[in-house]
Amino acid sequence: MGTSSVGKPVWFDLTVPNAAEVRDFYAAVCGWRAEDHPMENYADFSMYAPDGTRVSGICHAKGVNASLPPVWLPYVVVEDLDATLLTAEARGGTIIDKRTSIAVIQDPAGAYMAFWQAAPETV
């Protein structure tokens, strides 16, 4: 990922209480294949398109994901996560979840978006 990725959506995931059921739903509807993605003491799911491209994640609403809303979250690459969050708050947004390199916000209209700060050598 080069500097051309900054400002672009690069990932989508969905966090829900019934992740296995939703995994099966999208496998049937979209033709996606699921692969376990290990977490601390359970597995979320990486979803792959028929051509083998990893396209999204479907996650359990527990552990580090317990506070995330049950909506598809687009992840946008940013150069400076802290600066992005300061701007979001100054513009009426709310920080829902913040970790080392990702954060989820809710905008003033109530919609959600995630931001990912890639390591400097990949941005």
PDB file of N, CA and C in Angstrom:
ATOM      1  N   MET A   1       0.844  -1.164   0.000  1.00  0.00           N
ATOM      2  CA  MET A   1       0.000   0.000   0.000  1.00  0.00           C
ATOM      3  C   MET A   1       0.893   1.232   0.000  1.00  0.00           C
ATOM      4  N   GLY A   2       0.723   2.084  -0.965  1.00  0.00           N
ATOM      5  CA  GLY A   2       1.523   3.300  -1.059  1.00  0.00           C
ATOM      6  C   GLY A   2       0.747   4.509  -0.575  1.00  0.00           C
ATOM      7  N   THR A   3       1.328   5.684  -0.771  1.00  0.00           N
ATOM      8  CA  THR A   3       0.670   6.918  -0.328  1.00  0.00           C
ATOM      9  C   THR A   3      -0.651   7.126  -1.042  1.00  0.00           C
ATOM     10  N   SER A   4      -0.841   6.488  -2.190  1.00  0.00           N
ATOM     11  CA  SER A   4      -2.100   6.646  -2.912  1.00  0.00           C
ATOM     12  C   SER A   4      -3.273   6.017  -2.160  1.00  0.00           C
ATOM     13  N   SER A   5      -3.015   5.217  -1.120  1.00  0.00           N
ATOM     14  CA  SER A   5      -4.098   4.607  -0.344  1.00  0.00           C
ATOM     15  C   SER A   5      -4.684   5.557   0.695  1.00  0.00           C
ATOM     16  N   VAL A   6      -3.962   6.597   1.087  1.00  0.00           N
ATOM     17  CA  VAL A   6      -4.466   7.525   2.097  1.00  0.00           C
ATOM     18  C   VAL A   6      -5.758   8.155   1.583  1.00  0.00           C
ATOM     19  N   GLY A   7      -6.783   8.129   2.443  1.00  0.00           N
ATOM     20  CA  GLY A   7      -8.071   8.705   2.092  1.00  0.00           C
ATOM     21  C   GLY A   7      -9.010   7.745   1.379  1.00  0.00           C
ATOM     22  N   LYS A   8      -8.570   6.514   1.143  1.00  0.00           N
ATOM     23  CA  LYS A   8      -9.391   5.545   0.414  1.00  0.00           C
ATOM     24  C   LYS A   8      -9.849   4.417   1.341  1.00  0.00           C
ATOM     25  N   PRO A   9     -11.065   3.908   1.095  1.00  0.00           N
ATOM     26  CA  PRO A   9     -11.492   2.720   1.833  1.00  0.00           C
ATOM     27  C   PRO A   9     -10.664   1.514   1.397  1.00  0.00           C
ATOM     28  N   VAL A  10     -10.170   0.750   2.372  1.00  0.00           N
ATOM     29  CA  VAL A  10      -9.328  -0.406   2.050  1.00  0.00           C
ATOM     30  C   VAL A  10      -9.847  -1.702   2.662  1.00  0.00           C
ATOM     31  N   TRP A  11     -10.897  -1.631   3.475  1.00  0.00           N
ATOM     32  CA  TRP A  11     -11.391  -2.826   4.138  1.00  0.00           C
ATOM     33  C   TRP A  11     -12.819  -2.567   4.615  1.00  0.00           C
ATOM     34  N   PHE A  12     -13.593  -3.630   4.743  1.00  0.00           N
ATOM     35  CA  PHE A  12     -14.947  -3.561   5.280  1.00  0.00           C
ATOM     36  C   PHE A  12     -15.125  -4.718   6.240  1.00  0.00           C
ATOM     37  N   ASP A  13     -15.743  -4.448   7.386  1.00  0.00           N
ATOM     38  CA  ASP A  13     -16.112  -5.565   8.243  1.00  0.00           C
ATOM     39  C   ASP A  13     -17.430  -5.288   8.938  1.00  0.00           C
ATOM     40  N   LEU A  14     -17.978  -6.359   9.471  1.00  0.00           N
ATOM     41  CA  LEU A  14     -19.275  -6.340  10.115  1.00  0.00           C
ATOM     42  C   LEU A  14     -19.141  -7.078  11.434  1.00  0.00           C
ATOM     43  N   THR A  15     -19.596  -6.454  12.518  1.00  0.00           N
ATOM     44  CA  THR A  15     -19.527  -7.062  13.845  1.00  0.00           C
ATOM     45  C   THR A  15     -20.942  -7.276  14.349  1.00  0.00           C
ATOM     46  N   VAL A  16     -21.273  -8.542  14.635  1.00  0.00           N
ATOM     47  CA  VAL A  16     -22.636  -8.896  15.027  1.00  0.00           C
ATOM     48  C   VAL A  16     -22.620  -9.989  16.098  1.00  0.00           C
ATOM     49  N   PRO A  17     -23.686 -10.082  16.899  1.00  0.00           N
ATOM     50  CA  PRO A  17     -23.745 -11.131  17.918  1.00  0.00           C
ATOM     51  C   PRO A  17     -23.795 -12.541  17.328  1.00  0.00           C
ATOM     52  N   ASN A  18     -24.392 -12.693  16.150  1.00  0.00           N
ATOM     53  CA  ASN A  18     -24.571 -14.002  15.530  1.00  0.00           C
ATOM     54  C   ASN A  18     -23.663 -14.138  14.298  1.00  0.00           C
ATOM     55  N   ALA A  19     -22.368 -14.008  14.512  1.00  0.00           N
ATOM     56  CA  ALA A  19     -21.401 -13.963  13.406  1.00  0.00           C
ATOM     57  C   ALA A  19     -21.423 -15.209  12.530  1.00  0.00           C
ATOM     58  N   ALA A  20     -21.557 -16.388  13.104  1.00  0.00           N
ATOM     59  CA  ALA A  20     -21.550 -17.608  12.285  1.00  0.00           C
ATOM     60  C   ALA A  20     -22.757 -17.654  11.358  1.00  0.00           C
ATOM     61  N   GLU A  21     -23.906 -17.257  11.847  1.00  0.00           N
ATOM     62  CA  GLU A  21     -25.108 -17.219  11.011  1.00  0.00           C
ATOM     63  C   GLU A  21     -24.948 -16.198   9.886  1.00  0.00           C
ATOM     64  N   VAL A  22     -24.436 -15.031  10.223  1.00  0.00           N
ATOM     65  CA  VAL A  22     -24.245 -13.973   9.227  1.00  0.00           C
ATOM     66  C   VAL A  22     -23.152 -14.370   8.224  1.00  0.00           C
ATOM     67  N   ARG A  23     -22.108 -15.042   8.704  1.00  0.00           N
ATOM     68  CA  ARG A  23     -21.073 -15.584   7.811  1.00  0.00           C
ATOM     69  C   ARG A  23     -21.712 -16.483   6.765  1.00  0.00           C
ATOM     70  N   ASP A  24     -22.566 -17.387   7.205  1.00  0.00           N
ATOM     71  CA  ASP A  24     -23.224 -18.318   6.284  1.00  0.00           C
ATOM     72  C   ASP A  24     -24.162 -17.593   5.329  1.00  0.00           C
ATOM     73  N   PHE A  25     -24.837 -16.556   5.820  1.00  0.00           N
ATOM     74  CA  PHE A  25     -25.715 -15.748   4.974  1.00  0.00           C
ATOM     75  C   PHE A  25     -24.925 -15.148   3.807  1.00  0.00           C
ATOM     76  N   TYR A  26     -23.801 -14.468   4.121  1.00  0.00           N
ATOM     77  CA  TYR A  26     -23.028 -13.822   3.064  1.00  0.00           C
ATOM     78  C   TYR A  26     -22.306 -14.826   2.172  1.00  0.00           C
ATOM     79  N   ALA A  27     -21.959 -15.970   2.721  1.00  0.00           N
ATOM     80  CA  ALA A  27     -21.374 -17.023   1.882  1.00  0.00           C
ATOM     81  C   ALA A  27     -22.379 -17.449   0.815  1.00  0.00           C
ATOM     82  N   ALA A  28     -23.632 -17.628   1.216  1.00  0.00           N
ATOM     83  CA  ALA A  28     -24.668 -18.043   0.266  1.00  0.00           C
ATOM     84  C   ALA A  28     -25.057 -16.920  -0.692  1.00  0.00           C
ATOM     85  N   VAL A  29     -25.256 -15.711  -0.166  1.00  0.00           N
ATOM     86  CA  VAL A  29     -25.742 -14.604  -0.980  1.00  0.00           C
ATOM     87  C   VAL A  29     -24.675 -14.061  -1.940  1.00  0.00           C
ATOM     88  N   CYS A  30     -23.437 -13.929  -1.449  1.00  0.00           N
ATOM     89  CA  CYS A  30     -22.361 -13.321  -2.255  1.00  0.00           C
ATOM     90  C   CYS A  30     -21.428 -14.338  -2.889  1.00  0.00           C
ATOM     91  N   GLY A  31     -21.549 -15.586  -2.490  1.00  0.00           N
ATOM     92  CA  GLY A  31     -20.615 -16.589  -3.000  1.00  0.00           C
ATOM     93  C   GLY A  31     -19.261 -16.522  -2.317  1.00  0.00           C
ATOM     94  N   TRP A  32     -19.204 -15.896  -1.134  1.00  0.00           N
ATOM     95  CA  TRP A  32     -17.950 -15.763  -0.407  1.00  0.00           C
ATOM     96  C   TRP A  32     -17.602 -17.056   0.325  1.00  0.00           C
ATOM     97  N   ARG A  33     -16.328 -17.259   0.536  1.00  0.00           N
ATOM     98  CA  ARG A  33     -15.814 -18.383   1.314  1.00  0.00           C
ATOM     99  C   ARG A  33     -15.256 -17.818   2.612  1.00  0.00           C
ATOM    100  N   ALA A  34     -15.533 -18.493   3.714  1.00  0.00           N
ATOM    101  CA  ALA A  34     -15.074 -18.026   5.030  1.00  0.00           C
ATOM    102  C   ALA A  34     -13.846 -18.800   5.471  1.00  0.00           C
ATOM    103  N   GLU A  35     -12.970 -18.086   6.156  1.00  0.00           N
ATOM    104  CA  GLU A  35     -11.803 -18.702   6.773  1.00  0.00           C
ATOM    105  C   GLU A  35     -11.684 -18.133   8.180  1.00  0.00           C
ATOM    106  N   ASP A  36     -11.429 -18.989   9.160  1.00  0.00           N
ATOM    107  CA  ASP A  36     -11.297 -18.521  10.541  1.00  0.00           C
ATOM    108  C   ASP A  36     -10.153 -17.517  10.668  1.00  0.00           C
ATOM    109  N   HIS A  37     -10.398 -16.480  11.446  1.00  0.00           N
ATOM    110  CA  HIS A  37      -9.384 -15.481  11.778  1.00  0.00           C
ATOM    111  C   HIS A  37      -9.233 -15.524  13.305  1.00  0.00           C
ATOM    112  N   PRO A  38      -8.163 -16.136  13.822  1.00  0.00           N
ATOM    113  CA  PRO A  38      -8.017 -16.333  15.268  1.00  0.00           C
ATOM    114  C   PRO A  38      -8.020 -15.022  16.058  1.00  0.00           C
ATOM    115  N   MET A  39      -8.791 -15.046  17.140  1.00  0.00           N
ATOM    116  CA  MET A  39      -8.806 -13.951  18.102  1.00  0.00           C
ATOM    117  C   MET A  39      -8.229 -14.529  19.395  1.00  0.00           C
ATOM    118  N   GLU A  40      -8.504 -13.905  20.536  1.00  0.00           N
ATOM    119  CA  GLU A  40      -7.914 -14.389  21.789  1.00  0.00           C
ATOM    120  C   GLU A  40      -8.367 -15.800  22.144  1.00  0.00           C
ATOM    121  N   ASN A  41      -9.667 -16.032  22.240  1.00  0.00           N
ATOM    122  CA  ASN A  41     -10.154 -17.361  22.590  1.00  0.00           C
ATOM    123  C   ASN A  41     -11.326 -17.802  21.710  1.00  0.00           C
ATOM    124  N   TYR A  42     -11.396 -17.257  20.525  1.00  0.00           N
ATOM    125  CA  TYR A  42     -12.432 -17.603  19.551  1.00  0.00           C
ATOM    126  C   TYR A  42     -11.906 -17.204  18.173  1.00  0.00           C
ATOM    127  N   ALA A  43     -12.712 -17.387  17.149  1.00  0.00           N
ATOM    128  CA  ALA A  43     -12.296 -16.998  15.797  1.00  0.00           C
ATOM    129  C   ALA A  43     -13.371 -16.136  15.153  1.00  0.00           C
ATOM    130  N   ASP A  44     -12.956 -15.031  14.558  1.00  0.00           N
ATOM    131  CA  ASP A  44     -13.806 -14.262  13.664  1.00  0.00           C
ATOM    132  C   ASP A  44     -13.606 -14.866  12.273  1.00  0.00           C
ATOM    133  N   PHE A  45     -14.131 -14.201  11.248  1.00  0.00           N
ATOM    134  CA  PHE A  45     -14.071 -14.791   9.912  1.00  0.00           C
ATOM    135  C   PHE A  45     -13.577 -13.792   8.879  1.00  0.00           C
ATOM    136  N   SER A  46     -12.585 -14.209   8.098  1.00  0.00           N
ATOM    137  CA  SER A  46     -12.181 -13.469   6.904  1.00  0.00           C
ATOM    138  C   SER A  46     -12.993 -14.044   5.762  1.00  0.00           C
ATOM    139  N   MET A  47     -13.540 -13.162   4.934  1.00  0.00           N
ATOM    140  CA  MET A  47     -14.389 -13.592   3.839  1.00  0.00           C
ATOM    141  C   MET A  47     -13.661 -13.356   2.508  1.00  0.00           C
ATOM    142  N   TYR A  48     -13.729 -14.352   1.635  1.00  0.00           N
ATOM    143  CA  TYR A  48     -13.012 -14.335   0.363  1.00  0.00           C
ATOM    144  C   TYR A  48     -13.988 -14.417  -0.801  1.00  0.00           C
ATOM    145  N   ALA A  49     -13.750 -13.606  -1.823  1.00  0.00           N
ATOM    146  CA  ALA A  49     -14.528 -13.662  -3.062  1.00  0.00           C
ATOM    147  C   ALA A  49     -14.210 -14.969  -3.791  1.00  0.00           C
ATOM    148  N   PRO A  50     -15.036 -15.354  -4.757  1.00  0.00           N
ATOM    149  CA  PRO A  50     -14.772 -16.587  -5.504  1.00  0.00           C
ATOM    150  C   PRO A  50     -13.386 -16.650  -6.151  1.00  0.00           C
ATOM    151  N   ASP A  51     -12.802 -15.485  -6.472  1.00  0.00           N
ATOM    152  CA  ASP A  51     -11.461 -15.493  -7.084  1.00  0.00           C
ATOM    153  C   ASP A  51     -10.335 -15.614  -6.062  1.00  0.00           C
ATOM    154  N   GLY A  52     -10.687 -15.730  -4.769  1.00  0.00           N
ATOM    155  CA  GLY A  52      -9.684 -15.883  -3.722  1.00  0.00           C
ATOM    156  C   GLY A  52      -9.246 -14.594  -3.066  1.00  0.00           C
ATOM    157  N   THR A  53      -9.758 -13.455  -3.507  1.00  0.00           N
ATOM    158  CA  THR A  53      -9.423 -12.161  -2.926  1.00  0.00           C
ATOM    159  C   THR A  53     -10.141 -11.993  -1.593  1.00  0.00           C
ATOM    160  N   ARG A  54      -9.398 -11.632  -0.558  1.00  0.00           N
ATOM    161  CA  ARG A  54     -10.011 -11.367   0.750  1.00  0.00           C
ATOM    162  C   ARG A  54     -10.763 -10.045   0.652  1.00  0.00           C
ATOM    163  N   VAL A  55     -12.065 -10.054   0.957  1.00  0.00           N
ATOM    164  CA  VAL A  55     -12.895  -8.880   0.728  1.00  0.00           C
ATOM    165  C   VAL A  55     -13.472  -8.243   1.984  1.00  0.00           C
ATOM    166  N   SER A  56     -13.584  -9.006   3.075  1.00  0.00           N
ATOM    167  CA  SER A  56     -14.192  -8.421   4.267  1.00  0.00           C
ATOM    168  C   SER A  56     -13.969  -9.315   5.477  1.00  0.00           C
ATOM    169  N   GLY A  57     -14.418  -8.807   6.607  1.00  0.00           N
ATOM    170  CA  GLY A  57     -14.403  -9.586   7.831  1.00  0.00           C
ATOM    171  C   GLY A  57     -15.784  -9.605   8.441  1.00  0.00           C
ATOM    172  N   ILE A  58     -16.128 -10.717   9.050  1.00  0.00           N
ATOM    173  CA  ILE A  58     -17.355 -10.812   9.836  1.00  0.00           C
ATOM    174  C   ILE A  58     -16.918 -11.232  11.234  1.00  0.00           C
ATOM    175  N   CYS A  59     -17.271 -10.393  12.208  1.00  0.00           N
ATOM    176  CA  CYS A  59     -16.716 -10.525  13.554  1.00  0.00           C
ATOM    177  C   CYS A  59     -17.804 -10.738  14.595  1.00  0.00           C
ATOM    178  N   HIS A  60     -17.428 -11.439  15.665  1.00  0.00           N
ATOM    179  CA  HIS A  60     -18.306 -11.604  16.819  1.00  0.00           C
ATOM    180  C   HIS A  60     -18.319 -10.312  17.628  1.00  0.00           C
ATOM    181  N   ALA A  61     -19.465  -9.957  18.143  1.00  0.00           N
ATOM    182  CA  ALA A  61     -19.597  -8.761  18.978  1.00  0.00           C
ATOM    183  C   ALA A  61     -19.191  -9.097  20.409  1.00  0.00           C
ATOM    184  N   LYS A  62     -17.918  -9.419  20.585  1.00  0.00           N
ATOM    185  CA  LYS A  62     -17.388  -9.698  21.913  1.00  0.00           C
ATOM    186  C   LYS A  62     -15.900  -9.373  21.918  1.00  0.00           C
ATOM    187  N   GLY A  63     -15.297  -9.480  23.083  1.00  0.00           N
ATOM    188  CA  GLY A  63     -13.878  -9.152  23.192  1.00  0.00           C
ATOM    189  C   GLY A  63     -13.619  -7.722  22.763  1.00  0.00           C
ATOM    190  N   VAL A  64     -12.579  -7.519  21.978  1.00  0.00           N
ATOM    191  CA  VAL A  64     -12.212  -6.163  21.542  1.00  0.00           C
ATOM    192  C   VAL A  64     -13.270  -5.533  20.649  1.00  0.00           C
ATOM    193  N   ASN A  65     -14.180  -6.342  20.100  1.00  0.00           N
ATOM    194  CA  ASN A  65     -15.219  -5.821  19.208  1.00  0.00           C
ATOM    195  C   ASN A  65     -16.567  -5.601  19.887  1.00  0.00           C
ATOM    196  N   ALA A  66     -16.633  -5.767  21.189  1.00  0.00           N
ATOM    197  CA  ALA A  66     -17.917  -5.691  21.899  1.00  0.00           C
ATOM    198  C   ALA A  66     -18.614  -4.346  21.733  1.00  0.00           C
ATOM    199  N   SER A  67     -17.874  -3.269  21.583  1.00  0.00           N
ATOM    200  CA  SER A  67     -18.491  -1.940  21.514  1.00  0.00           C
ATOM    201  C   SER A  67     -18.843  -1.503  20.092  1.00  0.00           C
ATOM    202  N   LEU A  68     -18.534  -2.329  19.098  1.00  0.00           N
ATOM    203  CA  LEU A  68     -18.764  -1.916  17.720  1.00  0.00           C
ATOM    204  C   LEU A  68     -20.222  -2.121  17.304  1.00  0.00           C
ATOM    205  N   PRO A  69     -20.748  -1.206  16.488  1.00  0.00           N
ATOM    206  CA  PRO A  69     -22.148  -1.319  16.069  1.00  0.00           C
ATOM    207  C   PRO A  69     -22.317  -2.414  15.008  1.00  0.00           C
ATOM    208  N   PRO A  70     -23.529  -2.975  14.886  1.00  0.00           N
ATOM    209  CA  PRO A  70     -23.777  -4.024  13.902  1.00  0.00           C
ATOM    210  C   PRO A  70     -24.070  -3.448  12.514  1.00  0.00           C
ATOM    211  N   VAL A  71     -23.080  -2.772  11.964  1.00  0.00           N
ATOM    212  CA  VAL A  71     -23.191  -2.175  10.626  1.00  0.00           C
ATOM    213  C   VAL A  71     -21.919  -2.493   9.848  1.00  0.00           C
ATOM    214  N   TRP A  72     -22.010  -2.471   8.518  1.00  0.00           N
ATOM    215  CA  TRP A  72     -20.802  -2.618   7.714  1.00  0.00           C
ATOM    216  C   TRP A  72     -19.936  -1.391   7.932  1.00  0.00           C
ATOM    217  N   LEU A  73     -18.705  -1.609   8.347  1.00  0.00           N
ATOM    218  CA  LEU A  73     -17.765  -0.515   8.600  1.00  0.00           C
ATOM    219  C   LEU A  73     -16.740  -0.437   7.488  1.00  0.00           C
ATOM    220  N   PRO A  74     -16.713   0.692   6.778  1.00  0.00           N
ATOM    221  CA  PRO A  74     -15.602   0.893   5.850  1.00  0.00           C
ATOM    222  C   PRO A  74     -14.399   1.420   6.634  1.00  0.00           C
ATOM    223  N   TYR A  75     -13.207   0.922   6.309  1.00  0.00           N
ATOM    224  CA  TYR A  75     -11.967   1.393   6.926  1.00  0.00           C
ATOM    225  C   TYR A  75     -11.243   2.264   5.907  1.00  0.00           C
ATOM    226  N   VAL A  76     -10.953   3.504   6.286  1.00  0.00           N
ATOM    227  CA  VAL A  76     -10.253   4.449   5.427  1.00  0.00           C
ATOM    228  C   VAL A  76      -8.854   4.660   5.995  1.00  0.00           C
ATOM    229  N   VAL A  77      -7.858   4.620   5.128  1.00  0.00           N
ATOM    230  CA  VAL A  77      -6.470   4.830   5.542  1.00  0.00           C
ATOM    231  C   VAL A  77      -6.225   6.311   5.807  1.00  0.00           C
ATOM    232  N   VAL A  78      -5.590   6.603   6.948  1.00  0.00           N
ATOM    233  CA  VAL A  78      -5.206   7.977   7.287  1.00  0.00           C
ATOM    234  C   VAL A  78      -3.724   8.011   7.643  1.00  0.00           C
ATOM    235  N   GLU A  79      -3.117   9.169   7.469  1.00  0.00           N
ATOM    236  CA  GLU A  79      -1.702   9.314   7.815  1.00  0.00           C
ATOM    237  C   GLU A  79      -1.497   9.472   9.316  1.00  0.00           C
ATOM    238  N   ASP A  80      -2.444  10.162   9.979  1.00  0.00           N
ATOM    239  CA  ASP A  80      -2.291  10.474  11.398  1.00  0.00           C
ATOM    240  C   ASP A  80      -3.629  10.237  12.090  1.00  0.00           C
ATOM    241  N   LEU A  81      -3.762   9.112  12.761  1.00  0.00           N
ATOM    242  CA  LEU A  81      -5.024   8.740  13.392  1.00  0.00           C
ATOM    243  C   LEU A  81      -5.445   9.752  14.449  1.00  0.00           C
ATOM    244  N   ASP A  82      -4.517  10.180  15.295  1.00  0.00           N
ATOM    245  CA  ASP A  82      -4.870  11.127  16.356  1.00  0.00           C
ATOM    246  C   ASP A  82      -5.384  12.442  15.783  1.00  0.00           C
ATOM    247  N   ALA A  83      -4.737  12.951  14.738  1.00  0.00           N
ATOM    248  CA  ALA A  83      -5.185  14.195  14.106  1.00  0.00           C
ATOM    249  C   ALA A  83      -6.557  14.014  13.462  1.00  0.00           C
ATOM    250  N   THR A  84      -6.776  12.862  12.848  1.00  0.00           N
ATOM    251  CA  THR A  84      -8.069  12.576  12.229  1.00  0.00           C
ATOM    252  C   THR A  84      -9.176  12.571  13.282  1.00  0.00           C
ATOM    253  N   LEU A  85      -8.902  11.957  14.435  1.00  0.00           N
ATOM    254  CA  LEU A  85      -9.912  11.896  15.491  1.00  0.00           C
ATOM    255  C   LEU A  85     -10.189  13.262  16.104  1.00  0.00           C
ATOM    256  N   LEU A  86      -9.153  14.073  16.244  1.00  0.00           N
ATOM    257  CA  LEU A  86      -9.359  15.447  16.738  1.00  0.00           C
ATOM    258  C   LEU A  86     -10.254  16.225  15.788  1.00  0.00           C
ATOM    259  N   THR A  87     -10.015  16.077  14.496  1.00  0.00           N
ATOM    260  CA  THR A  87     -10.844  16.762  13.503  1.00  0.00           C
ATOM    261  C   THR A  87     -12.272  16.241  13.536  1.00  0.00           C
ATOM    262  N   ALA A  88     -12.430  14.925  13.649  1.00  0.00           N
ATOM    263  CA  ALA A  88     -13.775  14.337  13.706  1.00  0.00           C
ATOM    264  C   ALA A  88     -14.555  14.897  14.905  1.00  0.00           C
ATOM    265  N   GLU A  89     -13.920  14.926  16.069  1.00  0.00           N
ATOM    266  CA  GLU A  89     -14.589  15.458  17.261  1.00  0.00           C
ATOM    267  C   GLU A  89     -14.905  16.941  17.109  1.00  0.00           C
ATOM    268  N   ALA A  90     -13.987  17.708  16.536  1.00  0.00           N
ATOM    269  CA  ALA A  90     -14.205  19.141  16.342  1.00  0.00           C
ATOM    270  C   ALA A  90     -15.370  19.398  15.397  1.00  0.00           C
ATOM    271  N   ARG A  91     -15.639  18.452  14.521  1.00  0.00           N
ATOM    272  CA  ARG A  91     -16.729  18.580  13.553  1.00  0.00           C
ATOM    273  C   ARG A  91     -18.016  17.903  14.017  1.00  0.00           C
ATOM    274  N   GLY A  92     -18.077  17.493  15.283  1.00  0.00           N
ATOM    275  CA  GLY A  92     -19.299  16.930  15.833  1.00  0.00           C
ATOM    276  C   GLY A  92     -19.363  15.418  15.850  1.00  0.00           C
ATOM    277  N   GLY A  93     -18.264  14.741  15.525  1.00  0.00           N
ATOM    278  CA  GLY A  93     -18.236  13.288  15.562  1.00  0.00           C
ATOM    279  C   GLY A  93     -17.945  12.769  16.962  1.00  0.00           C
ATOM    280  N   THR A  94     -18.198  11.492  17.160  1.00  0.00           N
ATOM    281  CA  THR A  94     -17.967  10.834  18.442  1.00  0.00           C
ATOM    282  C   THR A  94     -17.055   9.635  18.226  1.00  0.00           C
ATOM    283  N   ILE A  95     -16.040   9.506  19.046  1.00  0.00           N
ATOM    284  CA  ILE A  95     -15.157   8.339  18.968  1.00  0.00           C
ATOM    285  C   ILE A  95     -15.852   7.187  19.681  1.00  0.00           C
ATOM    286  N   ILE A  96     -16.065   6.098  18.966  1.00  0.00           N
ATOM    287  CA  ILE A  96     -16.742   4.923  19.507  1.00  0.00           C
ATOM    288  C   ILE A  96     -15.736   3.927  20.077  1.00  0.00           C
ATOM    289  N   ASP A  97     -14.609   3.762  19.376  1.00  0.00           N
ATOM    290  CA  ASP A  97     -13.588   2.790  19.776  1.00  0.00           C
ATOM    291  C   ASP A  97     -12.247   3.270  19.238  1.00  0.00           C
ATOM    292  N   LYS A  98     -11.209   3.230  20.061  1.00  0.00           N
ATOM    293  CA  LYS A  98      -9.867   3.616  19.608  1.00  0.00           C
ATOM    294  C   LYS A  98      -8.862   2.597  20.103  1.00  0.00           C
ATOM    295  N   ARG A  99      -8.048   2.153  19.174  1.00  0.00           N
ATOM    296  CA  ARG A  99      -6.961   1.229  19.484  1.00  0.00           C
ATOM    297  C   ARG A  99      -5.672   1.854  18.970  1.00  0.00           C
ATOM    298  N   THR A 100      -4.611   1.086  18.923  1.00  0.00           N
ATOM    299  CA  THR A 100      -3.321   1.632  18.510  1.00  0.00           C
ATOM    300  C   THR A 100      -3.350   2.197  17.099  1.00  0.00           C
ATOM    301  N   SER A 101      -3.856   1.443  16.148  1.00  0.00           N
ATOM    302  CA  SER A 101      -3.790   1.895  14.757  1.00  0.00           C
ATOM    303  C   SER A 101      -5.150   1.998  14.076  1.00  0.00           C
ATOM    304  N   ILE A 102      -6.245   1.705  14.787  1.00  0.00           N
ATOM    305  CA  ILE A 102      -7.577   1.867  14.205  1.00  0.00           C
ATOM    306  C   ILE A 102      -8.499   2.566  15.179  1.00  0.00           C
ATOM    307  N   ALA A 103      -9.536   3.175  14.636  1.00  0.00           N
ATOM    308  CA  ALA A 103     -10.560   3.810  15.453  1.00  0.00           C
ATOM    309  C   ALA A 103     -11.868   3.800  14.683  1.00  0.00           C
ATOM    310  N   VAL A 104     -12.964   3.798  15.426  1.00  0.00           N
ATOM    311  CA  VAL A 104     -14.298   3.870  14.846  1.00  0.00           C
ATOM    312  C   VAL A 104     -14.939   5.142  15.377  1.00  0.00           C
ATOM    313  N   ILE A 105     -15.554   5.894  14.467  1.00  0.00           N
ATOM    314  CA  ILE A 105     -16.254   7.111  14.863  1.00  0.00           C
ATOM    315  C   ILE A 105     -17.705   7.038  14.406  1.00  0.00           C
ATOM    316  N   GLN A 106     -18.519   7.867  15.030  1.00  0.00           N
ATOM    317  CA  GLN A 106     -19.880   8.080  14.563  1.00  0.00           C
ATOM    318  C   GLN A 106     -19.951   9.534  14.145  1.00  0.00           C
ATOM    319  N   ASP A 107     -20.427   9.787  12.927  1.00  0.00           N
ATOM    320  CA  ASP A 107     -20.486  11.164  12.440  1.00  0.00           C
ATOM    321  C   ASP A 107     -21.728  11.870  12.987  1.00  0.00           C
ATOM    322  N   PRO A 108     -21.864  13.189  12.760  1.00  0.00           N
ATOM    323  CA  PRO A 108     -23.001  13.919  13.314  1.00  0.00           C
ATOM    324  C   PRO A 108     -24.368  13.406  12.849  1.00  0.00           C
ATOM    325  N   ALA A 109     -24.422  12.703  11.714  1.00  0.00           N
ATOM    326  CA  ALA A 109     -25.689  12.162  11.208  1.00  0.00           C
ATOM    327  C   ALA A 109     -25.996  10.790  11.793  1.00  0.00           C
ATOM    328  N   GLY A 110     -25.039  10.198  12.527  1.00  0.00           N
ATOM    329  CA  GLY A 110     -25.251   8.900  13.134  1.00  0.00           C
ATOM    330  C   GLY A 110     -24.609   7.733  12.397  1.00  0.00           C
ATOM    331  N   ALA A 111     -23.975   7.994  11.261  1.00  0.00           N
ATOM    332  CA  ALA A 111     -23.310   6.933  10.497  1.00  0.00           C
ATOM    333  C   ALA A 111     -21.941   6.632  11.104  1.00  0.00           C
ATOM    334  N   TYR A 112     -21.442   5.426  10.833  1.00  0.00           N
ATOM    335  CA  TYR A 112     -20.170   4.972  11.388  1.00  0.00           C
ATOM    336  C   TYR A 112     -19.119   4.829  10.294  1.00  0.00           C
ATOM    337  N   MET A 113     -17.860   5.041  10.666  1.00  0.00           N
ATOM    338  CA  MET A 113     -16.722   4.821   9.785  1.00  0.00           C
ATOM    339  C   MET A 113     -15.532   4.461  10.652  1.00  0.00           C
ATOM    340  N   ALA A 114     -14.660   3.642  10.095  1.00  0.00           N
ATOM    341  CA  ALA A 114     -13.426   3.276  10.793  1.00  0.00           C
ATOM    342  C   ALA A 114     -12.247   3.881  10.055  1.00  0.00           C
ATOM    343  N   PHE A 115     -11.206   4.193  10.811  1.00  0.00           N
ATOM    344  CA  PHE A 115      -9.970   4.730  10.239  1.00  0.00           C
ATOM    345  C   PHE A 115      -8.822   3.835  10.635  1.00  0.00           C
ATOM    346  N   TRP A 116      -7.904   3.664   9.722  1.00  0.00           N
ATOM    347  CA  TRP A 116      -6.732   2.821   9.955  1.00  0.00           C
ATOM    348  C   TRP A 116      -5.492   3.619   9.615  1.00  0.00           C
ATOM    349  N   GLN A 117      -4.607   3.741  10.585  1.00  0.00           N
ATOM    350  CA  GLN A 117      -3.312   4.385  10.346  1.00  0.00           C
ATOM    351  C   GLN A 117      -2.304   3.278  10.071  1.00  0.00           C
ATOM    352  N   ALA A 118      -1.893   3.201   8.825  1.00  0.00           N
ATOM    353  CA  ALA A 118      -0.910   2.183   8.441  1.00  0.00           C
ATOM    354  C   ALA A 118       0.444   2.561   8.987  1.00  0.00           C
ATOM    355  N   ALA A 119       1.316   1.591   9.120  1.00  0.00           N
ATOM    356  CA  ALA A 119       2.690   1.871   9.541  1.00  0.00           C
ATOM    357  C   ALA A 119       3.304   2.832   8.537  1.00  0.00           C
ATOM    358  N   PRO A 120       4.150   3.759   8.994  1.00  0.00           N
ATOM    359  CA  PRO A 120       4.719   4.778   8.099  1.00  0.00           C
ATOM    360  C   PRO A 120       5.335   4.232   6.815  1.00  0.00           C
ATOM    361  N   GLU A 121       5.956   3.062   6.898  1.00  0.00           N
ATOM    362  CA  GLU A 121       6.594   2.544   5.703  1.00  0.00           C
ATOM    363  C   GLU A 121       5.609   1.995   4.687  1.00  0.00           C
ATOM    364  N   THR A 122       4.305   1.850   5.070  1.00  0.00           N
ATOM    365  CA  THR A 122       3.317   1.349   4.133  1.00  0.00           C
ATOM    366  C   THR A 122       2.365   2.408   3.644  1.00  0.00           C
ATOM    367  N   VAL A 123       2.406   3.604   4.221  1.00  0.00           N
ATOM    368  CA  VAL A 123       1.488   4.669   3.806  1.00  0.00           C
ATOM    369  C   VAL A 123       2.091   5.430   2.667  1.00  0.00           C
TER     370      VAL A 123
END
